[in-house]
Every structure is written in structure tokens, then in C-alpha cells.
Amino acid sequence: MNARGFTLLEVLVALVILGTAVVASIQGFAQGLRLLKLSGDHQEAMLFADTKLRDIVAPEAGREEGAEGRFSWTRTVTRVPTPELGEAARPSPWAVYQIDVRVRWDERREVELTTLRTTSIADAQPGTAAHTGQPGQAGSTATPAQTGTPTGTSPPALPRGPTGRLPAAPTR
């Protein structure tokens, strides 16, 4: 008997190998889709955290919390001590703030962004030139000590907008 073909054992081994390969490739595709969704969620959370960082125009120390959509967030602003800036004979006209934003989603997932922001103390104090206009204008209560200008000198004139503040730098 000279029959050509596969035996039952050969067919069963081939089916086991084929089934294992199909299951492994399906699991690989499913894992890729899960990672793609996680990556998209992470990117969306990072953009949301970046927006919360940029929302602060004039930093003030404190803590805020909230929830928007599926994200819950916490923003903490702290003033960073800068003893090297205060070593000069006069007080420093600058304040440095650390802004931390933590965004959480899906119970176990979170991202955190931290940045430093330097502001002029004159901008942060109500009643100074930044809030009421330029020195010498009606309603201005700024003194040279408050604006960081040495007594007897005047700061260079900078173009200011209708609110008395310097125009924002162009963004790219």
C-alpha cells in the first residue's frame, strides 16, 4: 500500500502549531491596542496638566483641586526661598514660585508636571505700578523701593498695554 498524504497525527500537530500562532498574534494585537489607548490617555493627561500650569498668570502660594471630565487635578503653588537674591544691599525685586500639577485618571494612573515661575514683586503687590499704571501716573502709589528702582534713577520707559502691564511675549 503506497498511500500518499498526511497521517492523523501530523494533521493534529499542524493544527496545534497553527492555533498557538493565531492565539499569540491576536494577543499581540490586543496588547498593542491597550498600549495605544494608554499612550493616548497619558498624552491627553499631559496636555491637560500643561494647561493647568499655564492657567496661572500671577502666581500666589496655595493649593487648588478640581475635576474636569475624567481627570481630577491638584495644583500647588509655593514660593521658593531665594536667599542668594536677597544678599544685595536692597531687597530683591523678584519672587520665584514652584508650580506643581498632578492629574489623575483611571484609579491608578497619574502624571505630574512641575515648573518654576519668576515674577516681579511689583507685579505681585496690589497698589504698585504694575496694577495702577506707571510711576508718576494718577493713582500710582509705587515708590522706587517697591519697584526695585534705586532712589534717584528712573527706569527705562517700556511700552505698556491699556492695563498698564507689559504686553505678553509672542508665542511660537
Protein backbone atom coordinates (compact mmCIF):
# COMPACT_ATOMS: atom_id res chain seq x y z
CA MET A 1 0.00 0.00 0.00
CA ASN A 2 1.57 3.15 -1.24
CA ALA A 3 -0.83 5.89 0.03
CA ARG A 4 0.33 9.46 -0.15
CA GLY A 5 -0.92 12.11 2.35
CA PHE A 6 -0.70 13.18 5.95
CA THR A 7 -1.39 10.98 8.90
CA LEU A 8 -3.87 11.99 11.55
CA LEU A 9 -1.03 12.73 13.97
CA GLU A 10 0.66 15.11 11.51
CA VAL A 11 -2.60 16.99 10.93
CA LEU A 12 -3.20 17.36 14.69
CA VAL A 13 0.35 18.67 15.29
CA ALA A 14 -0.05 21.18 12.45
CA LEU A 15 -3.39 22.40 13.90
CA VAL A 16 -1.85 22.83 17.38
CA ILE A 17 1.02 24.87 15.92
CA LEU A 18 -1.34 26.97 13.80
CA GLY A 19 -3.74 27.53 16.74
CA THR A 20 -0.89 28.61 19.02
CA ALA A 21 0.42 31.07 16.41
CA VAL A 22 -3.06 32.56 15.82
CA VAL A 23 -3.73 33.00 19.57
CA ALA A 24 -0.29 34.60 20.11
CA SER A 25 -0.78 37.06 17.24
CA ILE A 26 -4.29 38.01 18.45
CA GLN A 27 -2.92 38.63 21.95
CA GLY A 28 -0.11 40.74 20.48
CA PHE A 29 -2.58 42.91 18.57
CA ALA A 30 -4.80 43.28 21.66
CA GLN A 31 -1.79 44.30 23.77
CA GLY A 32 -0.82 46.85 21.12
CA LEU A 33 -4.32 48.35 21.20
CA ARG A 34 -4.24 48.55 25.02
CA LEU A 35 -0.87 50.32 24.90
CA LEU A 36 -2.14 52.69 22.21
CA LYS A 37 -5.11 53.66 24.40
CA LEU A 38 -2.86 54.10 27.45
CA SER A 39 -0.48 56.25 25.42
CA GLY A 40 -3.35 58.43 24.20
CA ASP A 41 -4.69 58.80 27.76
CA HIS A 42 -1.22 59.74 29.01
CA GLN A 43 -0.78 62.33 26.25
CA GLU A 44 -4.20 63.82 26.97
CA ALA A 45 -3.40 64.00 30.71
CA MET A 46 -0.05 65.70 29.99
CA LEU A 47 -1.76 68.31 27.79
CA PHE A 48 -4.37 68.88 30.50
CA ALA A 49 -1.65 69.28 33.16
CA ASP A 50 0.24 71.70 30.91
CA THR A 51 -2.95 73.75 30.50
CA LYS A 52 -3.38 73.89 34.28
CA LEU A 53 0.25 75.09 34.61
CA ARG A 54 -0.27 77.83 32.03
CA ASP A 55 -3.56 78.99 33.58
CA ILE A 56 -1.62 80.77 36.32
CA VAL A 57 -0.73 84.28 35.23
CA ALA A 58 0.23 85.82 38.59
CA PRO A 59 1.24 83.02 40.99
CA GLU A 60 0.12 83.11 44.61
CA ALA A 61 1.03 80.45 47.15
CA GLY A 62 -1.80 78.00 47.71
CA ARG A 63 -3.45 74.75 46.65
CA GLU A 64 -6.34 74.11 44.30
CA GLU A 65 -8.19 70.92 43.38
CA GLY A 66 -10.82 70.10 40.84
CA ALA A 67 -12.19 67.62 38.37
CA GLU A 68 -12.89 68.05 34.68
CA GLY A 69 -14.23 65.20 32.64
CA ARG A 70 -12.47 62.02 33.67
CA PHE A 71 -9.45 63.87 35.09
CA SER A 72 -9.06 65.06 38.66
CA TRP A 73 -6.27 67.52 39.33
CA THR A 74 -4.35 69.19 42.12
CA ARG A 75 -2.30 72.35 41.67
CA THR A 76 0.10 73.51 44.37
CA VAL A 77 1.93 76.84 44.21
CA THR A 78 4.74 77.51 46.70
CA ARG A 79 7.16 80.40 46.94
CA VAL A 80 10.74 79.21 46.66
CA PRO A 81 13.16 80.84 49.09
CA THR A 82 15.94 82.63 47.20
CA PRO A 83 18.50 83.82 49.76
CA GLU A 84 21.07 84.48 47.02
CA LEU A 85 18.77 87.14 45.53
CA GLY A 86 18.41 88.91 48.89
CA GLU A 87 22.15 89.17 49.57
CA ALA A 88 22.37 92.55 47.82
CA ALA A 89 22.05 95.76 49.82
CA ARG A 90 18.45 96.20 48.67
CA PRO A 91 15.59 93.70 48.64
CA SER A 92 15.17 91.55 45.56
CA PRO A 93 12.56 92.72 43.05
CA TRP A 94 11.88 89.09 42.07
CA ALA A 95 9.91 86.23 43.54
CA VAL A 96 10.30 82.60 42.43
CA TYR A 97 7.35 80.20 42.63
CA GLN A 98 7.22 76.45 42.13
CA ILE A 99 4.03 75.22 40.49
CA ASP A 100 3.16 71.51 40.74
CA VAL A 101 0.22 70.00 38.87
CA ARG A 102 -0.85 66.39 39.42
CA VAL A 103 -3.52 64.87 37.15
CA ARG A 104 -5.17 61.52 37.98
CA TRP A 105 -7.41 59.22 35.94
CA ASP A 106 -8.39 55.52 35.89
CA GLU A 107 -7.76 54.99 39.64
CA ARG A 108 -4.08 54.01 39.23
CA ARG A 109 -2.83 56.43 36.59
CA GLU A 110 -1.38 59.87 37.22
CA VAL A 111 1.08 62.37 35.78
CA GLU A 112 2.81 65.27 37.47
CA LEU A 113 4.33 68.41 35.97
CA THR A 114 6.47 70.90 37.87
CA THR A 115 7.79 74.26 36.75
CA LEU A 116 9.36 77.37 38.23
CA ARG A 117 7.97 80.82 37.53
CA THR A 118 9.78 84.07 38.27
CA THR A 119 7.68 87.18 38.74
CA SER A 120 8.38 90.74 39.65
CA ILE A 121 7.39 91.55 43.20
CA ALA A 122 5.96 94.82 41.87
CA ASP A 123 3.58 92.75 39.70
CA ALA A 124 2.51 90.70 42.70
CA GLN A 125 1.75 93.61 45.07
CA PRO A 126 -1.55 95.46 44.69
CA GLY A 127 -1.14 99.22 44.56
CA THR A 128 2.19 99.13 42.73
CA ALA A 129 2.97 100.38 39.26
CA ALA A 130 2.01 97.14 37.57
CA HIS A 131 -1.51 97.32 38.97
CA THR A 132 -2.29 101.02 38.83
CA GLY A 133 -0.19 102.32 35.96
CA GLN A 134 3.32 103.64 35.56
CA PRO A 135 5.04 105.56 38.33
CA GLY A 136 4.03 109.19 38.22
CA GLN A 137 0.56 108.48 36.79
CA ALA A 138 -2.54 109.36 38.72
CA GLY A 139 -3.46 106.55 41.09
CA SER A 140 0.04 105.13 41.24
CA THR A 141 1.38 104.50 44.72
CA ALA A 142 4.63 102.82 43.71
CA THR A 143 7.83 104.06 45.26
CA PRO A 144 11.33 103.31 43.94
CA ALA A 145 11.80 100.78 46.75
CA GLN A 146 8.64 98.89 45.73
CA THR A 147 9.52 98.74 42.05
CA GLY A 148 13.14 97.77 42.69
CA THR A 149 14.46 101.01 41.17
CA PRO A 150 17.27 102.70 43.12
CA THR A 151 16.33 106.10 44.52
CA GLY A 152 17.27 108.98 42.24
CA THR A 153 17.12 106.97 39.00
CA SER A 154 14.21 106.29 36.73
CA PRO A 155 13.60 103.02 34.93
CA PRO A 156 13.73 102.96 31.13
CA ALA A 157 10.33 103.54 29.56
CA LEU A 158 8.79 100.32 28.28
CA PRO A 159 5.70 100.18 26.08
CA ARG A 160 2.71 99.14 28.16
CA GLY A 161 -0.75 97.99 27.21
CA PRO A 162 -4.05 99.58 28.23
CA THR A 163 -3.98 97.79 31.61
CA GLY A 164 -0.57 99.19 32.49
CA ARG A 165 1.09 95.79 32.15
CA LEU A 166 3.80 94.88 29.67
CA PRO A 167 2.47 93.08 26.58
CA ALA A 168 2.83 89.31 26.55
CA ALA A 169 5.77 87.80 24.73
CA PRO A 170 4.87 86.27 21.36
CA THR A 171 4.35 82.53 21.43
CA ARG A 172 5.67 80.11 18.88
